[in-house]
Amino acid sequence: DATEKTMEQVVATGRGHEPLPDYCRRVVAWSQRWQALAVPERNSYGLTALNALMEADYPFIYREADFDGRTKRWTENLGWYTDAKHRTVMLTRLQERVDGGTLNVGDPRLKHAIQAFAFSKTGRPDAPIGKHDDLLTAAAFALMGEEQINILVEQKQQQKRPTTIKEKIIWETQTGRLLDSTARGDFWDNQEESEAEPTSLISLLSHLP
């Protein structure tokens, strides 16, 4: 849960063994239920889950923008790519949150995985022999998605114009804006096109100096 900026917390974890198609269906169902930002890997087994989310037309998937020095263009990819460089980045972020006290781990299984994580003889940070690092890496994936949470919140706020008094109060509290002075075109359900695409990460980057 990244809605509390001063203290993010792990609200749920899951581990198990099941056929990959069943796992993918579970990922899609949970993502749709909670309307959460999904951060699947786009390599290894995570690619199958990513494809399942795409086939389900799930809109809230982590997007990574890379600048191609050869073509001088930005390219956008769905999902998190795990290689040696990216693994170091995500593990460093997890360590910073835990050491800095800005992540409430909560779950005892995840706590144990973090405490057991150590450098191997080759100098690679890893789980001990016979142990697993899946809970730890899943937490790290989630933290990598935190930088896109604000974009996701803005997209959700623009998705539908509030209609009831309760919805209006919640919307104005969250956005700091007055609903009556907000153009109807700011909401997807009032735009001329019935289906608006989520904001592209590349389009946002193109406005950076």
C-alpha atoms as a PDB file:
ATOM      1  CA  ASP A   1       0.000   0.000   0.000  1.00  0.00           C
ATOM      2  CA  ALA A   2       1.728   3.152  -1.258  1.00  0.00           C
ATOM      3  CA  THR A   3      -1.095   5.574  -0.458  1.00  0.00           C
ATOM      4  CA  GLU A   4       0.585   6.581   2.814  1.00  0.00           C
ATOM      5  CA  LYS A   5       3.744   8.301   1.616  1.00  0.00           C
ATOM      6  CA  THR A   6       5.519   8.451   4.968  1.00  0.00           C
ATOM      7  CA  MET A   7       5.084   4.746   5.729  1.00  0.00           C
ATOM      8  CA  GLU A   8       4.315   2.315   2.939  1.00  0.00           C
ATOM      9  CA  GLN A   9       3.262  -1.112   4.101  1.00  0.00           C
ATOM     10  CA  VAL A  10       2.974  -4.666   2.876  1.00  0.00           C
ATOM     11  CA  VAL A  11      -0.709  -5.523   3.287  1.00  0.00           C
ATOM     12  CA  ALA A  12      -0.723  -9.011   1.762  1.00  0.00           C
ATOM     13  CA  THR A  13       1.631 -11.667   0.432  1.00  0.00           C
ATOM     14  CA  GLY A  14       1.100 -15.038  -1.175  1.00  0.00           C
ATOM     15  CA  ARG A  15       3.146 -18.127  -1.873  1.00  0.00           C
ATOM     16  CA  GLY A  16       2.211 -21.423  -3.421  1.00  0.00           C
ATOM     17  CA  HIS A  17       2.750 -23.981  -6.145  1.00  0.00           C
ATOM     18  CA  GLU A  18       0.234 -24.210  -8.951  1.00  0.00           C
ATOM     19  CA  PRO A  19       0.173 -24.608 -12.737  1.00  0.00           C
ATOM     20  CA  LEU A  20       1.237 -21.443 -14.539  1.00  0.00           C
ATOM     21  CA  PRO A  21      -2.158 -20.915 -16.279  1.00  0.00           C
ATOM     22  CA  ASP A  22      -3.913 -21.021 -12.884  1.00  0.00           C
ATOM     23  CA  TYR A  23      -1.402 -18.554 -11.467  1.00  0.00           C
ATOM     24  CA  CYS A  24      -1.955 -16.169 -14.372  1.00  0.00           C
ATOM     25  CA  ARG A  25      -5.717 -16.281 -13.886  1.00  0.00           C
ATOM     26  CA  ARG A  26      -5.176 -15.463 -10.213  1.00  0.00           C
ATOM     27  CA  VAL A  27      -2.933 -12.503 -11.078  1.00  0.00           C
ATOM     28  CA  VAL A  28      -5.558 -11.088 -13.434  1.00  0.00           C
ATOM     29  CA  ALA A  29      -8.393 -11.630 -10.945  1.00  0.00           C
ATOM     30  CA  TRP A  30      -6.541  -9.989  -8.058  1.00  0.00           C
ATOM     31  CA  SER A  31      -5.417  -7.078 -10.215  1.00  0.00           C
ATOM     32  CA  GLN A  32      -8.950  -6.461 -11.434  1.00  0.00           C
ATOM     33  CA  ARG A  33     -10.414  -6.774  -7.938  1.00  0.00           C
ATOM     34  CA  TRP A  34      -8.095  -4.238  -6.335  1.00  0.00           C
ATOM     35  CA  GLN A  35      -7.448  -2.078  -9.436  1.00  0.00           C
ATOM     36  CA  ALA A  36      -3.796  -2.153  -8.398  1.00  0.00           C
ATOM     37  CA  LEU A  37      -0.722  -1.273 -10.399  1.00  0.00           C
ATOM     38  CA  ALA A  38       0.613  -4.653 -11.542  1.00  0.00           C
ATOM     39  CA  VAL A  39       4.409  -4.954 -11.835  1.00  0.00           C
ATOM     40  CA  PRO A  40       5.077  -8.259 -13.620  1.00  0.00           C
ATOM     41  CA  GLU A  41       8.428  -9.242 -15.052  1.00  0.00           C
ATOM     42  CA  ARG A  42       8.658  -9.142 -18.805  1.00  0.00           C
ATOM     43  CA  ASN A  43      11.212 -11.941 -18.849  1.00  0.00           C
ATOM     44  CA  SER A  44      11.288 -15.443 -17.355  1.00  0.00           C
ATOM     45  CA  TYR A  45       7.952 -16.774 -16.026  1.00  0.00           C
ATOM     46  CA  GLY A  46       6.639 -13.279 -15.482  1.00  0.00           C
ATOM     47  CA  LEU A  47       6.198 -12.824 -19.212  1.00  0.00           C
ATOM     48  CA  THR A  48       3.312 -15.307 -19.148  1.00  0.00           C
ATOM     49  CA  ALA A  49       1.549 -13.316 -16.420  1.00  0.00           C
ATOM     50  CA  LEU A  50       2.188 -10.096 -18.352  1.00  0.00           C
ATOM     51  CA  ASN A  51       0.633 -11.594 -21.469  1.00  0.00           C
ATOM     52  CA  ALA A  52      -2.403 -12.678 -19.426  1.00  0.00           C
ATOM     53  CA  LEU A  53      -2.886  -9.126 -18.136  1.00  0.00           C
ATOM     54  CA  MET A  54      -2.578  -7.737 -21.652  1.00  0.00           C
ATOM     55  CA  GLU A  55      -5.055 -10.267 -23.047  1.00  0.00           C
ATOM     56  CA  ALA A  56      -7.488  -9.231 -20.304  1.00  0.00           C
ATOM     57  CA  ASP A  57      -7.044  -5.582 -21.394  1.00  0.00           C
ATOM     58  CA  TYR A  58      -5.953  -4.677 -17.885  1.00  0.00           C
ATOM     59  CA  PRO A  59      -4.904  -1.013 -18.053  1.00  0.00           C
ATOM     60  CA  PHE A  60      -2.758  -0.561 -14.953  1.00  0.00           C
ATOM     61  CA  ILE A  61       0.543  -2.258 -15.748  1.00  0.00           C
ATOM     62  CA  TYR A  62       4.005  -0.971 -14.902  1.00  0.00           C
ATOM     63  CA  ARG A  63       5.633   0.673 -17.898  1.00  0.00           C
ATOM     64  CA  GLU A  64       9.324   1.200 -18.412  1.00  0.00           C
ATOM     65  CA  ALA A  65      10.710   3.809 -20.788  1.00  0.00           C
ATOM     66  CA  ASP A  66      14.204   3.345 -22.198  1.00  0.00           C
ATOM     67  CA  PHE A  67      16.174   5.809 -24.287  1.00  0.00           C
ATOM     68  CA  ASP A  68      17.870   4.273 -27.304  1.00  0.00           C
ATOM     69  CA  GLY A  69      21.154   6.101 -27.793  1.00  0.00           C
ATOM     70  CA  ARG A  70      21.471   4.801 -31.347  1.00  0.00           C
ATOM     71  CA  THR A  71      18.048   5.896 -32.614  1.00  0.00           C
ATOM     72  CA  LYS A  72      17.743   8.830 -30.165  1.00  0.00           C
ATOM     73  CA  ARG A  73      14.214   7.746 -29.369  1.00  0.00           C
ATOM     74  CA  TRP A  74      12.309   6.612 -26.294  1.00  0.00           C
ATOM     75  CA  THR A  75      10.806   3.137 -26.339  1.00  0.00           C
ATOM     76  CA  GLU A  76       8.124   1.987 -23.909  1.00  0.00           C
ATOM     77  CA  ASN A  77       7.790  -1.544 -22.587  1.00  0.00           C
ATOM     78  CA  LEU A  78       5.228  -3.097 -20.294  1.00  0.00           C
ATOM     79  CA  GLY A  79       6.562  -4.920 -17.236  1.00  0.00           C
ATOM     80  CA  TRP A  80       9.821  -4.928 -15.298  1.00  0.00           C
ATOM     81  CA  TYR A  81      12.906  -6.409 -16.938  1.00  0.00           C
ATOM     82  CA  THR A  82      15.165  -8.260 -14.491  1.00  0.00           C
ATOM     83  CA  ASP A  83      18.837  -8.454 -15.371  1.00  0.00           C
ATOM     84  CA  ALA A  84      21.959  -7.929 -13.258  1.00  0.00           C
ATOM     85  CA  LYS A  85      21.755  -4.121 -13.471  1.00  0.00           C
ATOM     86  CA  HIS A  86      18.022  -3.862 -12.802  1.00  0.00           C
ATOM     87  CA  ARG A  87      18.215  -6.446 -10.022  1.00  0.00           C
ATOM     88  CA  THR A  88      20.733  -4.295  -8.190  1.00  0.00           C
ATOM     89  CA  VAL A  89      18.504  -1.236  -8.568  1.00  0.00           C
ATOM     90  CA  MET A  90      15.400  -2.921  -7.174  1.00  0.00           C
ATOM     91  CA  LEU A  91      17.219  -4.616  -4.279  1.00  0.00           C
ATOM     92  CA  THR A  92      18.857  -1.316  -3.363  1.00  0.00           C
ATOM     93  CA  ARG A  93      15.477   0.401  -3.235  1.00  0.00           C
ATOM     94  CA  LEU A  94      14.102  -2.342  -0.990  1.00  0.00           C
ATOM     95  CA  GLN A  95      17.093  -2.052   1.329  1.00  0.00           C
ATOM     96  CA  GLU A  96      16.733   1.738   1.496  1.00  0.00           C
ATOM     97  CA  ARG A  97      13.058   1.456   2.465  1.00  0.00           C
ATOM     98  CA  VAL A  98      13.669  -1.198   5.114  1.00  0.00           C
ATOM     99  CA  ASP A  99      16.775   0.451   6.613  1.00  0.00           C
ATOM    100  CA  GLY A 100      15.178   3.885   6.471  1.00  0.00           C
ATOM    101  CA  GLY A 101      12.047   2.733   8.271  1.00  0.00           C
ATOM    102  CA  THR A 102       9.705   3.888   5.492  1.00  0.00           C
ATOM    103  CA  LEU A 103       8.388   0.408   4.693  1.00  0.00           C
ATOM    104  CA  ASN A 104       6.311  -1.548   7.191  1.00  0.00           C
ATOM    105  CA  VAL A 105       7.125  -5.135   6.181  1.00  0.00           C
ATOM    106  CA  GLY A 106       4.602  -6.691   8.565  1.00  0.00           C
ATOM    107  CA  ASP A 107       4.434 -10.177   7.045  1.00  0.00           C
ATOM    108  CA  PRO A 108       6.644 -12.578   9.069  1.00  0.00           C
ATOM    109  CA  ARG A 109       7.530 -14.679   6.017  1.00  0.00           C
ATOM    110  CA  LEU A 110       8.810 -11.629   4.182  1.00  0.00           C
ATOM    111  CA  LYS A 111      10.711 -10.505   7.275  1.00  0.00           C
ATOM    112  CA  HIS A 112      12.432 -13.889   7.435  1.00  0.00           C
ATOM    113  CA  ALA A 113      13.316 -13.747   3.728  1.00  0.00           C
ATOM    114  CA  ILE A 114      14.851 -10.283   4.141  1.00  0.00           C
ATOM    115  CA  GLN A 115      16.817 -11.297   7.242  1.00  0.00           C
ATOM    116  CA  ALA A 116      18.154 -14.435   5.517  1.00  0.00           C
ATOM    117  CA  PHE A 117      19.192 -12.582   2.364  1.00  0.00           C
ATOM    118  CA  ALA A 118      22.975 -12.224   2.199  1.00  0.00           C
ATOM    119  CA  PHE A 119      25.948 -12.011  -0.131  1.00  0.00           C
ATOM    120  CA  SER A 120      27.100 -15.333  -1.548  1.00  0.00           C
ATOM    121  CA  LYS A 121      30.728 -16.368  -1.958  1.00  0.00           C
ATOM    122  CA  THR A 122      30.671 -14.842  -5.434  1.00  0.00           C
ATOM    123  CA  GLY A 123      29.538 -11.488  -4.043  1.00  0.00           C
ATOM    124  CA  ARG A 124      25.982 -11.748  -5.364  1.00  0.00           C
ATOM    125  CA  PRO A 125      23.160 -10.887  -2.939  1.00  0.00           C
ATOM    126  CA  ASP A 126      20.955 -13.948  -2.826  1.00  0.00           C
ATOM    127  CA  ALA A 127      18.848 -16.267  -0.696  1.00  0.00           C
ATOM    128  CA  PRO A 128      20.689 -19.063   1.153  1.00  0.00           C
ATOM    129  CA  ILE A 129      20.960 -22.434  -0.553  1.00  0.00           C
ATOM    130  CA  GLY A 130      17.637 -24.237  -0.299  1.00  0.00           C
ATOM    131  CA  LYS A 131      15.695 -21.023   0.369  1.00  0.00           C
ATOM    132  CA  HIS A 132      13.672 -18.820  -1.938  1.00  0.00           C
ATOM    133  CA  ASP A 133      13.715 -15.096  -2.661  1.00  0.00           C
ATOM    134  CA  ASP A 134      10.345 -14.848  -4.411  1.00  0.00           C
ATOM    135  CA  LEU A 135       8.617 -12.872  -1.643  1.00  0.00           C
ATOM    136  CA  LEU A 136      11.567 -10.515  -1.403  1.00  0.00           C
ATOM    137  CA  THR A 137      11.775  -9.866  -5.130  1.00  0.00           C
ATOM    138  CA  ALA A 138       7.986  -9.417  -5.331  1.00  0.00           C
ATOM    139  CA  ALA A 139       8.228  -6.698  -2.671  1.00  0.00           C
ATOM    140  CA  ALA A 140      11.066  -5.090  -4.645  1.00  0.00           C
ATOM    141  CA  PHE A 141       8.959  -5.175  -7.847  1.00  0.00           C
ATOM    142  CA  ALA A 142       6.147  -3.396  -6.015  1.00  0.00           C
ATOM    143  CA  LEU A 143       8.509  -0.676  -4.817  1.00  0.00           C
ATOM    144  CA  MET A 144       9.748  -0.123  -8.361  1.00  0.00           C
ATOM    145  CA  GLY A 145       6.190   0.692  -9.320  1.00  0.00           C
ATOM    146  CA  GLU A 146       5.770   3.385  -6.667  1.00  0.00           C
ATOM    147  CA  GLU A 147       7.098   6.106  -8.978  1.00  0.00           C
ATOM    148  CA  GLN A 148       4.114   5.489 -11.274  1.00  0.00           C
ATOM    149  CA  ILE A 149       1.482   5.500  -8.522  1.00  0.00           C
ATOM    150  CA  ASN A 150       0.740   9.225  -8.938  1.00  0.00           C
ATOM    151  CA  ILE A 151       0.193   8.721 -12.669  1.00  0.00           C
ATOM    152  CA  LEU A 152      -2.144   5.824 -11.909  1.00  0.00           C
ATOM    153  CA  VAL A 153      -4.107   7.858  -9.352  1.00  0.00           C
ATOM    154  CA  GLU A 154      -4.547  10.713 -11.834  1.00  0.00           C
ATOM    155  CA  GLN A 155      -5.804   8.298 -14.480  1.00  0.00           C
ATOM    156  CA  LYS A 156      -8.322   6.786 -12.054  1.00  0.00           C
ATOM    157  CA  GLN A 157      -9.522  10.209 -10.955  1.00  0.00           C
ATOM    158  CA  GLN A 158     -10.097  11.176 -14.579  1.00  0.00           C
ATOM    159  CA  GLN A 159     -11.846   7.928 -15.452  1.00  0.00           C
ATOM    160  CA  LYS A 160     -15.353   8.822 -14.295  1.00  0.00           C
ATOM    161  CA  ARG A 161     -16.997  12.053 -13.210  1.00  0.00           C
ATOM    162  CA  PRO A 162     -18.341  11.779  -9.622  1.00  0.00           C
ATOM    163  CA  THR A 163     -22.125  11.770  -9.461  1.00  0.00           C
ATOM    164  CA  THR A 164     -23.174  11.264  -5.830  1.00  0.00           C
ATOM    165  CA  ILE A 165     -22.478  13.746  -3.026  1.00  0.00           C
ATOM    166  CA  LYS A 166     -20.121  11.246  -1.350  1.00  0.00           C
ATOM    167  CA  GLU A 167     -18.158  10.726  -4.583  1.00  0.00           C
ATOM    168  CA  LYS A 168     -17.895  14.496  -5.091  1.00  0.00           C
ATOM    169  CA  ILE A 169     -16.546  15.079  -1.564  1.00  0.00           C
ATOM    170  CA  ILE A 170     -13.997  12.260  -1.917  1.00  0.00           C
ATOM    171  CA  TRP A 171     -12.880  13.507  -5.348  1.00  0.00           C
ATOM    172  CA  GLU A 172     -12.445  17.119  -4.182  1.00  0.00           C
ATOM    173  CA  THR A 173     -10.567  15.969  -1.054  1.00  0.00           C
ATOM    174  CA  GLN A 174      -8.184  13.792  -3.074  1.00  0.00           C
ATOM    175  CA  THR A 175      -7.522  16.306  -5.846  1.00  0.00           C
ATOM    176  CA  GLY A 176      -7.785  19.644  -4.032  1.00  0.00           C
ATOM    177  CA  ARG A 177      -9.984  20.868  -6.891  1.00  0.00           C
ATOM    178  CA  LEU A 178     -13.625  22.022  -7.033  1.00  0.00           C
ATOM    179  CA  LEU A 179     -15.704  19.684  -9.144  1.00  0.00           C
ATOM    180  CA  ASP A 180     -18.062  22.392 -10.433  1.00  0.00           C
ATOM    181  CA  SER A 181     -15.116  24.361 -11.866  1.00  0.00           C
ATOM    182  CA  THR A 182     -13.582  21.307 -13.549  1.00  0.00           C
ATOM    183  CA  ALA A 183     -14.218  20.852 -17.261  1.00  0.00           C
ATOM    184  CA  ARG A 184     -16.314  17.829 -18.166  1.00  0.00           C
ATOM    185  CA  GLY A 185     -13.717  16.899 -20.764  1.00  0.00           C
ATOM    186  CA  ASP A 186     -11.302  16.076 -17.947  1.00  0.00           C
ATOM    187  CA  PHE A 187     -13.209  12.858 -17.367  1.00  0.00           C
ATOM    188  CA  TRP A 188     -13.012   9.865 -19.669  1.00  0.00           C
ATOM    189  CA  ASP A 189     -16.753   9.184 -19.551  1.00  0.00           C
ATOM    190  CA  ASN A 190     -17.452  12.705 -20.825  1.00  0.00           C
ATOM    191  CA  GLN A 191     -14.941  12.768 -23.660  1.00  0.00           C
ATOM    192  CA  GLU A 192     -16.054  12.423 -27.244  1.00  0.00           C
ATOM    193  CA  GLU A 193     -14.169   9.161 -27.584  1.00  0.00           C
ATOM    194  CA  SER A 194     -15.764   6.451 -25.461  1.00  0.00           C
ATOM    195  CA  GLU A 195     -12.505   4.673 -24.804  1.00  0.00           C
ATOM    196  CA  ALA A 196      -9.513   6.842 -23.914  1.00  0.00           C
ATOM    197  CA  GLU A 197      -6.068   5.323 -23.637  1.00  0.00           C
ATOM    198  CA  PRO A 198      -4.059   5.759 -20.419  1.00  0.00           C
ATOM    199  CA  THR A 199      -1.385   8.431 -20.517  1.00  0.00           C
ATOM    200  CA  SER A 200       1.777   7.171 -22.177  1.00  0.00           C
ATOM    201  CA  LEU A 201       4.931   7.287 -20.097  1.00  0.00           C
ATOM    202  CA  ILE A 202       6.798   8.341 -23.224  1.00  0.00           C
ATOM    203  CA  SER A 203       4.443  11.273 -23.768  1.00  0.00           C
ATOM    204  CA  LEU A 204       5.189  12.432 -20.228  1.00  0.00           C
ATOM    205  CA  LEU A 205       8.935  12.086 -20.750  1.00  0.00           C
ATOM    206  CA  SER A 206       8.746  14.072 -23.960  1.00  0.00           C
ATOM    207  CA  HIS A 207       7.762  17.132 -21.927  1.00  0.00           C
ATOM    208  CA  LEU A 208      10.790  16.917 -19.695  1.00  0.00           C
ATOM    209  CA  PRO A 209      13.602  19.436 -20.341  1.00  0.00           C
END
